[in-house]
Amino acid sequence: MNEHEPAVPLTGDGGFLRIRLGLSYDGAPFSGWALQPGLRTVQGVLEEALALLLRRPVRVTVAGRTDAGVHARGQVVHFDMAAAEWAGLPRGAGLDPAAALLRRLRGALRRGMGELAGAVEVHRAAVAPEGFDARFSALWRRYSYRIADGPARWDPVTRHATLWHKTALDTALLNEGAAPLLGLQDFRSYCKPREGATTIRELQRFEFTRGADGVIVATIQADAFCHNQVRALIGSALFVGAGEQPPGWLYERLLARQRDARSVLAPPHPLVLEEVAYPSAEGLLARAELTRARRE
């Protein structure tokens, strides 16, 4: 269903609708995605804007929580609202409720964020198909990470979203070290484990390419990521790319299944959540149930 199609209540859900939002944000002014008392977070400003709009507390579910300073181009969230609330969004203006929600939510974000207006932008709003869950229905998440290796490639214009690495990196060594980490593995060595949560993930892509501008872009994709996993993988790979460790060192660390003094996190500011993928509407509920079972 796209944002211009009429909304219909989800079957068996008492007239409530699940709303899917697509958004992007500059993570620099935020203390990460998740709510934290006394701190500005992306979830916090989004929920404040929705509460202003709907005149009640709203809690959103996100596809993937991002750390402080991490950006997103393809973040996805969902929240639930009553069918009557949805129908009332146009306020008699003759707009589709999805278009009205998008327009009014953008306005509420601008008012609530003041001088930071534009740091969070909602690009899409739609009624989600039955069974959709922004977190558990996702097939995979894809991140990018930009690295300018050597002062000759340091561009002040893009410094807020690029790592300035002092020495040259060898992309062949980076890719050789990354390849053995692909597949379903226990990434405990590269995660900050959460109590009761698994550290087993399916790493689907982990590759480094040098663009025409000379900047290296890392692409990393998995069914899901545990806390700090992407930054830990990049941080360790930099030692291999610089020739300070052999390529096999990354896999040796994986097999050790423990964090130690060599567990270094790459800085957050070059990291961008680029895309979250979902199955077709018919497969959403089954995917969510499968993911929940794996997490448990």
Protein backbone atom coordinates (compact mmCIF):
# COMPACT_ATOMS: atom_id res chain seq x y z
CA MET A 1 0.00 0.00 0.00
CA ASN A 2 1.41 3.43 -0.88
CA GLU A 3 0.81 6.71 0.90
CA HIS A 4 -2.04 7.71 -1.41
CA GLU A 5 -4.17 4.59 -1.02
CA PRO A 6 -7.12 4.74 1.40
CA ALA A 7 -6.60 3.34 4.88
CA VAL A 8 -8.60 0.42 6.19
CA PRO A 9 -8.62 -0.95 9.75
CA LEU A 10 -6.49 -4.02 10.32
CA THR A 11 -8.61 -7.12 10.69
CA GLY A 12 -9.01 -8.42 14.20
CA ASP A 13 -7.43 -5.35 15.76
CA GLY A 14 -10.45 -3.43 17.03
CA GLY A 15 -10.26 -0.65 14.45
CA PHE A 16 -6.62 0.26 15.11
CA LEU A 17 -4.17 0.92 12.32
CA ARG A 18 -0.45 0.27 12.20
CA ILE A 19 1.33 3.20 10.60
CA ARG A 20 4.71 2.84 8.89
CA LEU A 21 7.02 5.84 8.64
CA GLY A 22 10.21 6.18 6.60
CA LEU A 23 12.67 8.78 7.90
CA SER A 24 16.22 10.03 7.76
CA TYR A 25 18.28 12.01 10.25
CA ASP A 26 21.58 13.65 10.99
CA GLY A 27 22.76 11.87 14.13
CA ALA A 28 25.31 14.51 15.17
CA PRO A 29 23.07 16.52 17.54
CA PHE A 30 21.48 13.45 19.15
CA SER A 31 22.47 11.04 21.91
CA GLY A 32 21.48 8.12 19.72
CA TRP A 33 18.08 6.80 18.73
CA ALA A 34 16.66 5.45 21.99
CA LEU A 35 14.97 7.48 24.72
CA GLN A 36 17.31 8.61 27.50
CA PRO A 37 16.26 10.81 30.44
CA GLY A 38 17.51 14.36 30.08
CA LEU A 39 19.10 13.80 26.66
CA ARG A 40 18.01 14.70 23.14
CA THR A 41 17.39 11.55 21.08
CA VAL A 42 15.82 10.90 17.70
CA GLN A 43 13.09 8.75 19.23
CA GLY A 44 12.40 11.49 21.74
CA VAL A 45 11.87 14.29 19.23
CA LEU A 46 9.80 12.05 16.93
CA GLU A 47 7.51 10.89 19.74
CA GLU A 48 7.15 14.47 21.00
CA ALA A 49 6.04 15.57 17.53
CA LEU A 50 3.55 12.70 17.26
CA ALA A 51 2.21 13.46 20.74
CA LEU A 52 1.72 17.10 19.76
CA LEU A 53 -0.12 15.99 16.65
CA LEU A 54 -2.35 13.32 18.22
CA ARG A 55 -2.64 14.94 21.66
CA ARG A 56 -1.66 11.77 23.49
CA PRO A 57 1.53 9.82 24.26
CA VAL A 58 2.86 7.80 21.33
CA ARG A 59 5.49 5.06 21.41
CA VAL A 60 7.22 4.06 18.18
CA THR A 61 9.04 0.83 17.29
CA VAL A 62 12.20 1.22 15.20
CA ALA A 63 13.84 -1.10 12.68
CA GLY A 64 17.29 -0.56 14.14
CA ARG A 65 18.51 1.56 17.06
CA THR A 66 21.50 3.73 16.17
CA ASP A 67 24.27 4.95 18.48
CA ALA A 68 25.00 8.57 19.34
CA GLY A 69 26.28 10.40 16.27
CA VAL A 70 25.17 7.72 13.77
CA HIS A 71 23.05 8.89 10.82
CA ALA A 72 20.22 7.29 8.85
CA ARG A 73 18.85 7.63 5.33
CA GLY A 74 16.53 4.63 5.40
CA GLN A 75 15.22 4.25 8.94
CA VAL A 76 11.75 2.70 9.42
CA VAL A 77 9.41 2.91 12.39
CA HIS A 78 5.84 1.96 13.18
CA PHE A 79 3.22 3.06 15.67
CA ASP A 80 -0.48 2.35 16.17
CA MET A 81 -3.39 4.75 16.05
CA ALA A 82 -7.17 4.49 16.10
CA ALA A 83 -9.01 4.48 12.79
CA ALA A 84 -10.90 7.58 13.96
CA GLU A 85 -7.61 9.41 14.57
CA TRP A 86 -6.43 8.48 11.10
CA ALA A 87 -9.65 9.66 9.47
CA GLY A 88 -9.46 12.97 11.33
CA LEU A 89 -5.95 13.88 10.18
CA PRO A 90 -7.03 15.91 7.09
CA ARG A 91 -9.31 18.14 9.25
CA GLY A 92 -11.74 18.50 6.35
CA ALA A 93 -9.05 19.61 3.91
CA GLY A 94 -9.81 16.86 1.39
CA LEU A 95 -6.35 15.32 1.72
CA ASP A 96 -5.55 11.64 1.95
CA PRO A 97 -4.83 10.89 5.65
CA ALA A 98 -1.31 9.69 4.79
CA ALA A 99 -0.48 12.96 3.03
CA ALA A 100 -2.02 14.92 5.91
CA LEU A 101 0.01 12.99 8.47
CA LEU A 102 3.22 13.60 6.54
CA ARG A 103 2.56 17.34 6.22
CA ARG A 104 1.50 17.86 9.83
CA LEU A 105 4.27 15.69 11.27
CA ARG A 106 6.91 17.64 9.37
CA GLY A 107 5.47 20.84 10.78
CA ALA A 108 5.42 19.48 14.33
CA LEU A 109 9.06 18.38 14.00
CA ARG A 110 10.14 21.81 12.79
CA ARG A 111 8.34 23.55 15.65
CA GLY A 112 9.67 21.16 18.27
CA MET A 113 13.30 21.19 17.11
CA GLY A 114 13.80 24.93 16.70
CA GLU A 115 17.29 25.67 15.35
CA LEU A 116 17.81 21.94 14.69
CA ALA A 117 14.90 21.86 12.24
CA GLY A 118 15.76 19.58 9.35
CA ALA A 119 17.94 17.22 11.39
CA VAL A 120 15.06 14.70 11.28
CA GLU A 121 12.90 14.36 8.18
CA VAL A 122 9.97 12.00 7.65
CA HIS A 123 9.70 11.09 3.96
CA ARG A 124 6.97 8.46 3.85
CA ALA A 125 3.83 7.61 5.80
CA ALA A 126 1.43 4.78 5.05
CA VAL A 127 -0.88 2.25 6.65
CA ALA A 128 1.20 -0.91 6.99
CA PRO A 129 -0.02 -4.30 5.78
CA GLU A 130 -1.33 -6.66 8.43
CA GLY A 131 1.47 -8.34 10.37
CA PHE A 132 4.03 -5.59 9.78
CA ASP A 133 6.56 -4.95 12.55
CA ALA A 134 9.32 -2.42 11.81
CA ARG A 135 11.82 -4.37 13.90
CA PHE A 136 10.91 -8.04 13.67
CA SER A 137 9.62 -8.15 10.08
CA ALA A 138 12.88 -6.80 8.65
CA LEU A 139 14.93 -9.12 6.42
CA TRP A 140 18.14 -7.10 6.72
CA ARG A 141 19.73 -3.75 7.52
CA ARG A 142 22.46 -2.16 5.41
CA TYR A 143 25.00 0.42 6.64
CA SER A 144 27.72 2.42 4.91
CA TYR A 145 30.91 3.87 6.38
CA ARG A 146 33.14 6.43 4.57
CA ILE A 147 36.91 6.49 5.11
CA ALA A 148 39.38 9.04 3.68
CA ASP A 149 42.77 7.44 4.15
CA GLY A 150 45.57 10.01 4.08
CA PRO A 151 45.56 13.83 4.28
CA ALA A 152 45.40 14.21 0.49
CA ARG A 153 41.82 12.84 0.62
CA TRP A 154 40.63 14.87 3.60
CA ASP A 155 37.77 17.04 2.35
CA PRO A 156 36.56 19.62 4.91
CA VAL A 157 33.16 19.75 3.19
CA THR A 158 32.42 16.09 4.03
CA ARG A 159 34.36 15.80 7.29
CA HIS A 160 31.17 15.46 9.38
CA ALA A 161 30.35 12.14 7.67
CA THR A 162 33.81 10.75 6.83
CA LEU A 163 36.56 9.19 8.91
CA TRP A 164 39.90 10.90 8.39
CA HIS A 165 42.38 8.04 8.70
CA LYS A 166 46.01 9.18 8.96
CA THR A 167 47.58 6.38 6.92
CA ALA A 168 46.79 4.62 3.64
CA LEU A 169 44.59 1.52 3.73
CA ASP A 170 44.75 -1.49 1.42
CA THR A 171 41.24 -2.44 0.24
CA ALA A 172 42.44 -5.88 -0.86
CA LEU A 173 43.61 -6.63 2.69
CA LEU A 174 40.37 -5.23 4.10
CA ASN A 175 38.23 -7.48 1.91
CA GLU A 176 40.44 -10.52 2.53
CA GLY A 177 40.01 -10.07 6.27
CA ALA A 178 36.29 -9.39 6.06
CA ALA A 179 35.29 -12.36 3.88
CA PRO A 180 35.58 -15.15 6.53
CA LEU A 181 33.18 -13.27 8.81
CA LEU A 182 30.26 -13.71 6.41
CA GLY A 183 27.43 -16.07 7.27
CA LEU A 184 25.64 -17.07 10.46
CA GLN A 185 28.16 -16.61 13.26
CA ASP A 186 28.48 -15.67 16.92
CA PHE A 187 29.73 -12.08 16.97
CA ARG A 188 30.26 -11.85 20.72
CA SER A 189 33.81 -10.56 20.13
CA TYR A 190 32.40 -7.65 18.12
CA CYS A 191 29.37 -6.78 20.25
CA LYS A 192 28.45 -5.24 23.55
CA PRO A 193 26.06 -8.01 24.67
CA ARG A 194 22.70 -7.05 26.13
CA GLU A 195 21.43 -9.16 29.00
CA GLY A 196 19.35 -12.06 27.72
CA ALA A 197 20.03 -11.25 24.06
CA THR A 198 21.81 -13.44 21.51
CA THR A 199 24.96 -12.32 19.70
CA ILE A 200 24.40 -14.70 16.77
CA ARG A 201 23.80 -12.80 13.53
CA GLU A 202 23.91 -13.51 9.79
CA LEU A 203 26.45 -11.17 8.22
CA GLN A 204 25.46 -10.95 4.54
CA ARG A 205 27.82 -8.29 3.20
CA PHE A 206 31.09 -6.87 4.52
CA GLU A 207 33.10 -5.23 1.77
CA PHE A 208 35.26 -2.21 1.02
CA THR A 209 35.41 -0.30 -2.28
CA ARG A 210 37.37 2.79 -3.27
CA GLY A 211 35.34 5.33 -5.20
CA ALA A 212 36.39 7.64 -8.02
CA ASP A 213 37.10 10.32 -5.41
CA GLY A 214 39.55 8.01 -3.65
CA VAL A 215 37.36 7.62 -0.58
CA ILE A 216 36.80 4.08 0.71
CA VAL A 217 33.20 3.09 1.41
CA ALA A 218 32.52 0.08 3.61
CA THR A 219 29.21 -1.70 3.07
CA ILE A 220 27.97 -3.95 5.84
CA GLN A 221 24.66 -5.82 5.82
CA ALA A 222 23.11 -8.36 8.20
CA ASP A 223 19.76 -9.72 9.23
CA ALA A 224 20.25 -7.61 12.37
CA PHE A 225 23.12 -6.12 14.36
CA CYS A 226 23.85 -6.35 18.05
CA HIS A 227 24.98 -3.33 20.06
CA ASN A 228 28.14 -1.67 18.64
CA GLN A 229 28.66 -4.49 16.12
CA VAL A 230 29.15 -2.38 12.99
CA ARG A 231 31.57 0.05 14.61
CA ALA A 232 33.50 -2.82 16.23
CA LEU A 233 33.88 -4.63 12.90
CA ILE A 234 35.05 -1.48 11.12
CA GLY A 235 37.38 -0.53 13.97
CA SER A 236 39.11 -3.92 13.89
CA ALA A 237 39.24 -4.02 10.09
CA LEU A 238 41.21 -0.75 10.06
CA PHE A 239 44.15 -2.54 11.75
CA VAL A 240 44.14 -5.05 8.90
CA GLY A 241 43.84 -2.43 6.16
CA ALA A 242 46.78 -0.52 7.63
CA GLY A 243 48.92 -3.66 7.70
CA GLU A 244 49.15 -3.71 11.49
CA GLN A 245 47.43 -7.12 11.69
CA PRO A 246 47.17 -9.96 9.15
CA PRO A 247 43.81 -10.53 7.41
CA GLY A 248 43.16 -13.73 9.39
CA TRP A 249 43.24 -11.76 12.62
CA LEU A 250 39.60 -10.68 12.19
CA TYR A 251 38.39 -14.28 12.07
CA GLU A 252 40.66 -15.31 14.94
CA ARG A 253 39.05 -12.61 17.06
CA LEU A 254 35.60 -13.84 16.03
CA LEU A 255 36.43 -17.37 17.20
CA ALA A 256 37.71 -16.08 20.56
CA ARG A 257 34.13 -14.92 21.38
CA GLN A 258 35.25 -12.35 23.91
CA ARG A 259 35.81 -8.61 24.03
CA ASP A 260 39.21 -7.43 25.16
CA ALA A 261 41.57 -4.44 25.05
CA ARG A 262 41.86 -4.83 21.26
CA SER A 263 38.12 -4.22 20.81
CA VAL A 264 38.17 -0.72 19.36
CA LEU A 265 35.05 1.04 18.09
CA ALA A 266 35.35 3.12 14.93
CA PRO A 267 34.04 6.68 15.39
CA PRO A 268 30.27 6.98 14.86
CA HIS A 269 30.01 10.03 12.58
CA PRO A 270 30.76 8.28 9.23
CA LEU A 271 28.21 5.51 9.86
CA VAL A 272 24.87 5.69 8.00
CA LEU A 273 21.90 3.31 8.12
CA GLU A 274 21.15 3.21 4.40
CA GLU A 275 18.30 0.74 3.99
CA VAL A 276 16.03 -1.73 5.76
CA ALA A 277 14.44 -4.47 3.64
CA TYR A 278 11.16 -6.31 4.24
CA PRO A 279 9.42 -9.29 2.62
CA SER A 280 6.25 -8.97 0.58
CA ALA A 281 3.03 -8.26 2.48
CA GLU A 282 2.17 -11.96 2.60
CA GLY A 283 5.43 -12.79 4.40
CA LEU A 284 5.51 -10.03 7.02
CA LEU A 285 3.83 -11.89 9.88
CA ALA A 286 5.77 -15.11 9.30
CA ARG A 287 9.04 -13.19 9.23
CA ALA A 288 8.21 -11.39 12.47
CA GLU A 289 7.35 -14.66 14.23
CA LEU A 290 10.54 -16.31 12.98
CA THR A 291 12.70 -13.39 14.14
CA ARG A 292 11.12 -13.32 17.58
CA ALA A 293 11.74 -17.05 17.96
CA ARG A 294 15.41 -16.63 16.99
CA ARG A 295 15.91 -13.76 19.43
CA GLU A 296 14.42 -15.84 22.23
